[in-house]
Amino acid sequence: MIVFLLGTPGCGKSEFYRRLTKRFKEEGMYDEFPRVDDFPKLWNIFMEDEKSGKWERCRKTDDGGYKVTDPTVWDDILKEVNKDILELKSKASENSIIFIEFSRPNYVHSITNNFSEEILKDSIAVYMDVPFEVCWERNVRRHEKALDAGSDDHLVSREEMEETYGSDDKGDLEEKLPFPVVFIYPDSPDPDDFTKLEEGIEKTIKVLKGEEAK
């Protein structure tokens, strides 16, 4: 089984993953949950362009982040993720569940055009529907916390957040994706409030068990 974790950077995908896999352990549903995030591949592109100085696929922004300038980057990265998932799937035990985590403005295109049928036929999606400004605040706070801890961290620039992630095709997901979609909505504008994640976990578990239809 495969779970696509979708939503704007800072929406809480990683926190959802931590809480959901904790429930899996408690209930004995799965005992292996590898996760593939497309960000390390994107970060490598940023670093390659910065090292070369040619800036062929991205550029730096005034706030210290980066902005993708070559739109083919987005699909190219997901095609690489698809290969990673197929390899993981070929080695996974029957009691494992694989997570794919990424953000895009065009999820239907990104999923149906870049992932193989072998993956799509065995998947569900969880979409984190969190207000843009909450995501932005979490993004900034995460970046600042990492810098304070002395780690190398990447800020998703405000320009990238607005132009790439300011709106998406969430309204088409249920109709146009070939698998069930679970939507999680916040009940508070507080960036530290993850109350609704527990409700989303319950919905996700029901879908995985086949107890809730698309």
C-alpha atoms as a PDB file:
ATOM      1  CA  MET A   1       0.000   0.000   0.000  1.00  0.00           C
ATOM      2  CA  ILE A   2       1.131   3.554  -0.801  1.00  0.00           C
ATOM      3  CA  VAL A   3       0.014   6.870   0.721  1.00  0.00           C
ATOM      4  CA  PHE A   4       0.509  10.170  -1.105  1.00  0.00           C
ATOM      5  CA  LEU A   5       0.905  12.993   1.455  1.00  0.00           C
ATOM      6  CA  LEU A   6      -0.073  16.227  -0.292  1.00  0.00           C
ATOM      7  CA  GLY A   7      -0.357  19.887   0.677  1.00  0.00           C
ATOM      8  CA  THR A   8       1.406  23.243   0.772  1.00  0.00           C
ATOM      9  CA  PRO A   9       4.882  23.306   2.385  1.00  0.00           C
ATOM     10  CA  GLY A  10       4.316  23.747   6.124  1.00  0.00           C
ATOM     11  CA  CYS A  11       0.843  22.185   6.138  1.00  0.00           C
ATOM     12  CA  GLY A  12       1.849  19.444   8.575  1.00  0.00           C
ATOM     13  CA  LYS A  13       2.616  16.424   6.354  1.00  0.00           C
ATOM     14  CA  SER A  14       5.587  15.332   8.450  1.00  0.00           C
ATOM     15  CA  GLU A  15       3.647  15.664  11.705  1.00  0.00           C
ATOM     16  CA  PHE A  16       0.797  13.644  10.231  1.00  0.00           C
ATOM     17  CA  TYR A  17       3.243  10.950   9.148  1.00  0.00           C
ATOM     18  CA  ARG A  18       4.736  10.734  12.650  1.00  0.00           C
ATOM     19  CA  ARG A  19       1.339  10.442  14.332  1.00  0.00           C
ATOM     20  CA  LEU A  20      -0.132   8.018  11.798  1.00  0.00           C
ATOM     21  CA  THR A  21       2.842   5.645  11.914  1.00  0.00           C
ATOM     22  CA  LYS A  22       2.678   5.731  15.718  1.00  0.00           C
ATOM     23  CA  ARG A  23      -0.923   4.467  15.452  1.00  0.00           C
ATOM     24  CA  PHE A  24       0.174   1.786  13.002  1.00  0.00           C
ATOM     25  CA  LYS A  25       2.673   0.531  15.550  1.00  0.00           C
ATOM     26  CA  GLU A  26       0.128   0.609  18.371  1.00  0.00           C
ATOM     27  CA  GLU A  27      -2.489  -1.271  16.362  1.00  0.00           C
ATOM     28  CA  GLY A  28      -0.085  -3.624  14.598  1.00  0.00           C
ATOM     29  CA  MET A  29      -1.391  -2.605  11.173  1.00  0.00           C
ATOM     30  CA  TYR A  30       2.035  -2.153   9.570  1.00  0.00           C
ATOM     31  CA  ASP A  31       5.554  -2.477  10.890  1.00  0.00           C
ATOM     32  CA  GLU A  32       7.532  -0.757   8.120  1.00  0.00           C
ATOM     33  CA  PHE A  33       6.705   2.726   6.754  1.00  0.00           C
ATOM     34  CA  PRO A  34       9.430   4.090   4.456  1.00  0.00           C
ATOM     35  CA  ARG A  35       8.868   7.664   3.338  1.00  0.00           C
ATOM     36  CA  VAL A  36      10.117   9.341   0.140  1.00  0.00           C
ATOM     37  CA  ASP A  37      10.142  13.137   0.101  1.00  0.00           C
ATOM     38  CA  ASP A  38      10.951  14.917  -3.169  1.00  0.00           C
ATOM     39  CA  PHE A  39      12.626  17.835  -1.387  1.00  0.00           C
ATOM     40  CA  PRO A  40      16.160  16.335  -1.189  1.00  0.00           C
ATOM     41  CA  LYS A  41      16.119  15.995  -4.981  1.00  0.00           C
ATOM     42  CA  LEU A  42      15.005  19.613  -5.349  1.00  0.00           C
ATOM     43  CA  TRP A  43      17.657  20.741  -2.868  1.00  0.00           C
ATOM     44  CA  ASN A  44      20.344  18.971  -4.925  1.00  0.00           C
ATOM     45  CA  ILE A  45      19.241  20.965  -7.965  1.00  0.00           C
ATOM     46  CA  PHE A  46      19.526  24.205  -5.994  1.00  0.00           C
ATOM     47  CA  MET A  47      23.000  23.276  -4.776  1.00  0.00           C
ATOM     48  CA  GLU A  48      24.190  22.205  -8.241  1.00  0.00           C
ATOM     49  CA  ASP A  49      23.034  25.498  -9.761  1.00  0.00           C
ATOM     50  CA  GLU A  50      24.644  27.500  -6.957  1.00  0.00           C
ATOM     51  CA  LYS A  51      27.913  25.597  -7.286  1.00  0.00           C
ATOM     52  CA  SER A  52      28.057  26.012 -11.060  1.00  0.00           C
ATOM     53  CA  GLY A  53      26.958  29.648 -10.931  1.00  0.00           C
ATOM     54  CA  LYS A  54      24.987  29.145 -14.130  1.00  0.00           C
ATOM     55  CA  TRP A  55      21.548  29.171 -12.460  1.00  0.00           C
ATOM     56  CA  GLU A  56      19.962  27.131 -15.239  1.00  0.00           C
ATOM     57  CA  ARG A  57      17.049  25.739 -13.226  1.00  0.00           C
ATOM     58  CA  CYS A  58      16.581  28.102 -10.314  1.00  0.00           C
ATOM     59  CA  ARG A  59      17.715  31.398  -8.788  1.00  0.00           C
ATOM     60  CA  LYS A  60      18.176  32.840  -5.343  1.00  0.00           C
ATOM     61  CA  THR A  61      15.525  35.076  -3.786  1.00  0.00           C
ATOM     62  CA  ASP A  62      15.947  38.134  -1.579  1.00  0.00           C
ATOM     63  CA  ASP A  63      14.787  36.295   1.564  1.00  0.00           C
ATOM     64  CA  GLY A  64      17.476  33.625   1.303  1.00  0.00           C
ATOM     65  CA  GLY A  65      15.426  30.969  -0.439  1.00  0.00           C
ATOM     66  CA  TYR A  66      15.324  29.725  -3.998  1.00  0.00           C
ATOM     67  CA  LYS A  67      12.852  30.018  -6.887  1.00  0.00           C
ATOM     68  CA  VAL A  68      12.539  27.341  -9.560  1.00  0.00           C
ATOM     69  CA  THR A  69      12.825  28.917 -13.025  1.00  0.00           C
ATOM     70  CA  ASP A  70      12.711  25.758 -15.156  1.00  0.00           C
ATOM     71  CA  PRO A  71       9.196  24.262 -14.832  1.00  0.00           C
ATOM     72  CA  THR A  72      10.347  20.881 -16.148  1.00  0.00           C
ATOM     73  CA  VAL A  73      12.112  20.399 -12.800  1.00  0.00           C
ATOM     74  CA  TRP A  74       8.836  19.546 -11.049  1.00  0.00           C
ATOM     75  CA  ASP A  75       7.948  16.554 -13.240  1.00  0.00           C
ATOM     76  CA  ASP A  76      11.550  15.393 -13.593  1.00  0.00           C
ATOM     77  CA  ILE A  77      11.856  15.103  -9.818  1.00  0.00           C
ATOM     78  CA  LEU A  78       8.647  13.083  -9.498  1.00  0.00           C
ATOM     79  CA  LYS A  79       9.770  10.697 -12.225  1.00  0.00           C
ATOM     80  CA  GLU A  80      12.824  10.015 -10.068  1.00  0.00           C
ATOM     81  CA  VAL A  81      10.574   9.551  -7.039  1.00  0.00           C
ATOM     82  CA  ASN A  82       8.536   7.042  -9.053  1.00  0.00           C
ATOM     83  CA  LYS A  83      11.693   4.992  -9.653  1.00  0.00           C
ATOM     84  CA  ASP A  84      12.531   5.141  -5.941  1.00  0.00           C
ATOM     85  CA  ILE A  85       9.063   3.918  -5.008  1.00  0.00           C
ATOM     86  CA  LEU A  86       9.119   1.042  -7.486  1.00  0.00           C
ATOM     87  CA  GLU A  87      12.433  -0.104  -6.052  1.00  0.00           C
ATOM     88  CA  LEU A  88      11.128   0.167  -2.491  1.00  0.00           C
ATOM     89  CA  LYS A  89       7.947  -1.656  -3.467  1.00  0.00           C
ATOM     90  CA  SER A  90       9.918  -4.529  -4.987  1.00  0.00           C
ATOM     91  CA  LYS A  91      11.760  -5.053  -1.707  1.00  0.00           C
ATOM     92  CA  ALA A  92       8.954  -4.244   0.743  1.00  0.00           C
ATOM     93  CA  SER A  93       7.374  -6.845   2.990  1.00  0.00           C
ATOM     94  CA  GLU A  94       3.636  -7.508   2.972  1.00  0.00           C
ATOM     95  CA  ASN A  95       3.373  -5.618   6.245  1.00  0.00           C
ATOM     96  CA  SER A  96       4.849  -2.367   4.966  1.00  0.00           C
ATOM     97  CA  ILE A  97       3.251   0.871   3.745  1.00  0.00           C
ATOM     98  CA  ILE A  98       5.127   3.454   1.666  1.00  0.00           C
ATOM     99  CA  PHE A  99       4.645   7.211   1.919  1.00  0.00           C
ATOM    100  CA  ILE A 100       5.258   9.726  -0.883  1.00  0.00           C
ATOM    101  CA  GLU A 101       5.415  13.354   0.254  1.00  0.00           C
ATOM    102  CA  PHE A 102       5.401  16.427  -1.992  1.00  0.00           C
ATOM    103  CA  SER A 103       3.775  19.790  -2.752  1.00  0.00           C
ATOM    104  CA  ARG A 104       2.578  20.965  -6.177  1.00  0.00           C
ATOM    105  CA  PRO A 105      -0.023  23.337  -7.655  1.00  0.00           C
ATOM    106  CA  ASN A 106      -1.233  20.609 -10.047  1.00  0.00           C
ATOM    107  CA  TYR A 107      -1.584  17.349  -8.141  1.00  0.00           C
ATOM    108  CA  VAL A 108      -3.734  15.550 -10.709  1.00  0.00           C
ATOM    109  CA  HIS A 109      -1.170  16.140 -13.448  1.00  0.00           C
ATOM    110  CA  SER A 110       1.768  15.479 -11.118  1.00  0.00           C
ATOM    111  CA  ILE A 111       0.425  12.117  -9.993  1.00  0.00           C
ATOM    112  CA  THR A 112      -1.197  10.738 -13.149  1.00  0.00           C
ATOM    113  CA  ASN A 113       1.632  11.837 -15.475  1.00  0.00           C
ATOM    114  CA  ASN A 114       4.627  10.802 -13.377  1.00  0.00           C
ATOM    115  CA  PHE A 115       3.693   7.668 -11.442  1.00  0.00           C
ATOM    116  CA  SER A 116       3.300   4.210 -12.894  1.00  0.00           C
ATOM    117  CA  GLU A 117       0.115   2.172 -12.897  1.00  0.00           C
ATOM    118  CA  GLU A 118       1.769  -0.268 -10.506  1.00  0.00           C
ATOM    119  CA  ILE A 119       1.876   2.533  -7.945  1.00  0.00           C
ATOM    120  CA  LEU A 120      -1.474   4.156  -8.728  1.00  0.00           C
ATOM    121  CA  LYS A 121      -3.475   0.928  -8.398  1.00  0.00           C
ATOM    122  CA  ASP A 122      -2.321   0.450  -4.814  1.00  0.00           C
ATOM    123  CA  SER A 123      -2.574   3.984  -3.404  1.00  0.00           C
ATOM    124  CA  ILE A 124      -4.599   6.492  -1.438  1.00  0.00           C
ATOM    125  CA  ALA A 125      -3.953  10.217  -0.916  1.00  0.00           C
ATOM    126  CA  VAL A 126      -4.127  12.439   2.143  1.00  0.00           C
ATOM    127  CA  TYR A 127      -4.504  16.147   1.366  1.00  0.00           C
ATOM    128  CA  MET A 128      -3.729  18.634   4.155  1.00  0.00           C
ATOM    129  CA  ASP A 129      -6.006  21.624   3.511  1.00  0.00           C
ATOM    130  CA  VAL A 130      -4.314  24.291   5.656  1.00  0.00           C
ATOM    131  CA  PRO A 131      -4.542  28.088   5.068  1.00  0.00           C
ATOM    132  CA  PHE A 132      -1.647  29.584   3.137  1.00  0.00           C
ATOM    133  CA  GLU A 133      -0.558  32.022   5.861  1.00  0.00           C
ATOM    134  CA  VAL A 134      -0.448  29.252   8.478  1.00  0.00           C
ATOM    135  CA  CYS A 135       1.792  27.230   6.159  1.00  0.00           C
ATOM    136  CA  TRP A 136       4.027  30.233   5.558  1.00  0.00           C
ATOM    137  CA  GLU A 137       4.426  30.922   9.269  1.00  0.00           C
ATOM    138  CA  ARG A 138       5.296  27.287   9.957  1.00  0.00           C
ATOM    139  CA  ASN A 139       7.769  27.337   7.090  1.00  0.00           C
ATOM    140  CA  VAL A 140       9.564  30.408   8.488  1.00  0.00           C
ATOM    141  CA  ARG A 141       9.571  29.084  12.046  1.00  0.00           C
ATOM    142  CA  ARG A 142      10.921  25.713  10.939  1.00  0.00           C
ATOM    143  CA  HIS A 143      13.705  27.462   9.032  1.00  0.00           C
ATOM    144  CA  GLU A 144      14.619  29.698  11.970  1.00  0.00           C
ATOM    145  CA  LYS A 145      14.610  26.766  14.394  1.00  0.00           C
ATOM    146  CA  ALA A 146      16.948  24.797  12.145  1.00  0.00           C
ATOM    147  CA  LEU A 147      19.323  27.738  11.824  1.00  0.00           C
ATOM    148  CA  ASP A 148      19.352  28.232  15.601  1.00  0.00           C
ATOM    149  CA  ALA A 149      20.270  24.563  15.960  1.00  0.00           C
ATOM    150  CA  GLY A 150      23.162  25.054  13.554  1.00  0.00           C
ATOM    151  CA  SER A 151      21.803  22.824  10.791  1.00  0.00           C
ATOM    152  CA  ASP A 152      21.717  23.541   7.075  1.00  0.00           C
ATOM    153  CA  ASP A 153      18.112  24.286   6.212  1.00  0.00           C
ATOM    154  CA  HIS A 154      16.279  25.645   3.185  1.00  0.00           C
ATOM    155  CA  LEU A 155      13.622  28.332   3.354  1.00  0.00           C
ATOM    156  CA  VAL A 156      10.838  27.988   0.820  1.00  0.00           C
ATOM    157  CA  SER A 157      10.880  31.596  -0.314  1.00  0.00           C
ATOM    158  CA  ARG A 158       7.779  33.759  -0.043  1.00  0.00           C
ATOM    159  CA  GLU A 159       7.956  34.258  -3.800  1.00  0.00           C
ATOM    160  CA  GLU A 160       7.964  30.502  -4.416  1.00  0.00           C
ATOM    161  CA  MET A 161       5.223  29.947  -1.859  1.00  0.00           C
ATOM    162  CA  GLU A 162       2.943  32.503  -3.497  1.00  0.00           C
ATOM    163  CA  GLU A 163       3.649  31.742  -7.157  1.00  0.00           C
ATOM    164  CA  THR A 164       3.922  27.955  -6.961  1.00  0.00           C
ATOM    165  CA  TYR A 165       1.808  26.975  -3.950  1.00  0.00           C
ATOM    166  CA  GLY A 166      -0.615  29.885  -3.598  1.00  0.00           C
ATOM    167  CA  SER A 167      -3.399  27.824  -5.182  1.00  0.00           C
ATOM    168  CA  ASP A 168      -3.790  24.263  -6.384  1.00  0.00           C
ATOM    169  CA  ASP A 169      -6.277  21.818  -7.893  1.00  0.00           C
ATOM    170  CA  LYS A 170      -7.572  20.342  -4.621  1.00  0.00           C
ATOM    171  CA  GLY A 171     -11.137  20.660  -5.942  1.00  0.00           C
ATOM    172  CA  ASP A 172     -10.377  18.084  -8.651  1.00  0.00           C
ATOM    173  CA  LEU A 173      -8.669  15.455  -6.530  1.00  0.00           C
ATOM    174  CA  GLU A 174     -11.661  13.304  -5.579  1.00  0.00           C
ATOM    175  CA  GLU A 175     -13.024  13.227  -9.128  1.00  0.00           C
ATOM    176  CA  LYS A 176      -9.808  12.914 -11.127  1.00  0.00           C
ATOM    177  CA  LEU A 177      -7.397  10.854  -9.044  1.00  0.00           C
ATOM    178  CA  PRO A 178      -7.763   7.083  -9.527  1.00  0.00           C
ATOM    179  CA  PHE A 179      -7.788   6.281  -5.809  1.00  0.00           C
ATOM    180  CA  PRO A 180      -9.431   7.426  -2.537  1.00  0.00           C
ATOM    181  CA  VAL A 181      -8.570  10.858  -1.128  1.00  0.00           C
ATOM    182  CA  VAL A 182      -8.772  11.862   2.539  1.00  0.00           C
ATOM    183  CA  PHE A 183      -9.072  15.594   3.237  1.00  0.00           C
ATOM    184  CA  ILE A 184      -7.891  17.084   6.530  1.00  0.00           C
ATOM    185  CA  TYR A 185      -9.134  20.575   7.433  1.00  0.00           C
ATOM    186  CA  PRO A 186      -7.823  22.726  10.282  1.00  0.00           C
ATOM    187  CA  ASP A 187     -10.095  24.017  13.021  1.00  0.00           C
ATOM    188  CA  SER A 188      -7.733  26.773  14.151  1.00  0.00           C
ATOM    189  CA  PRO A 189      -5.445  29.360  12.505  1.00  0.00           C
ATOM    190  CA  ASP A 190      -2.837  28.603  15.195  1.00  0.00           C
ATOM    191  CA  PRO A 191       0.276  27.126  13.478  1.00  0.00           C
ATOM    192  CA  ASP A 192       0.839  24.919  16.526  1.00  0.00           C
ATOM    193  CA  ASP A 193      -2.680  23.459  16.560  1.00  0.00           C
ATOM    194  CA  PHE A 194      -2.740  19.964  15.060  1.00  0.00           C
ATOM    195  CA  THR A 195      -6.055  18.866  16.615  1.00  0.00           C
ATOM    196  CA  LYS A 196      -7.615  17.903  13.291  1.00  0.00           C
ATOM    197  CA  LEU A 197      -4.757  15.547  12.504  1.00  0.00           C
ATOM    198  CA  GLU A 198      -6.262  12.976  14.859  1.00  0.00           C
ATOM    199  CA  GLU A 199      -9.556  13.094  12.963  1.00  0.00           C
ATOM    200  CA  GLY A 200      -7.634  12.729   9.713  1.00  0.00           C
ATOM    201  CA  ILE A 201      -5.790   9.724  11.105  1.00  0.00           C
ATOM    202  CA  GLU A 202      -9.088   8.015  11.898  1.00  0.00           C
ATOM    203  CA  LYS A 203     -10.376   8.660   8.364  1.00  0.00           C
ATOM    204  CA  THR A 204      -7.145   7.424   6.804  1.00  0.00           C
ATOM    205  CA  ILE A 205      -7.156   4.211   8.814  1.00  0.00           C
ATOM    206  CA  LYS A 206     -10.771   3.531   7.787  1.00  0.00           C
ATOM    207  CA  VAL A 207      -9.882   3.970   4.110  1.00  0.00           C
ATOM    208  CA  LEU A 208      -6.855   1.702   4.446  1.00  0.00           C
ATOM    209  CA  LYS A 209      -9.047  -0.936   6.059  1.00  0.00           C
ATOM    210  CA  GLY A 210     -11.635  -0.587   3.309  1.00  0.00           C
ATOM    211  CA  GLU A 211     -14.246   0.699   5.730  1.00  0.00           C
ATOM    212  CA  GLU A 212     -14.821   4.024   3.974  1.00  0.00           C
ATOM    213  CA  ALA A 213     -15.422   4.383   0.242  1.00  0.00           C
ATOM    214  CA  LYS A 214     -13.997   7.098  -1.988  1.00  0.00           C
END
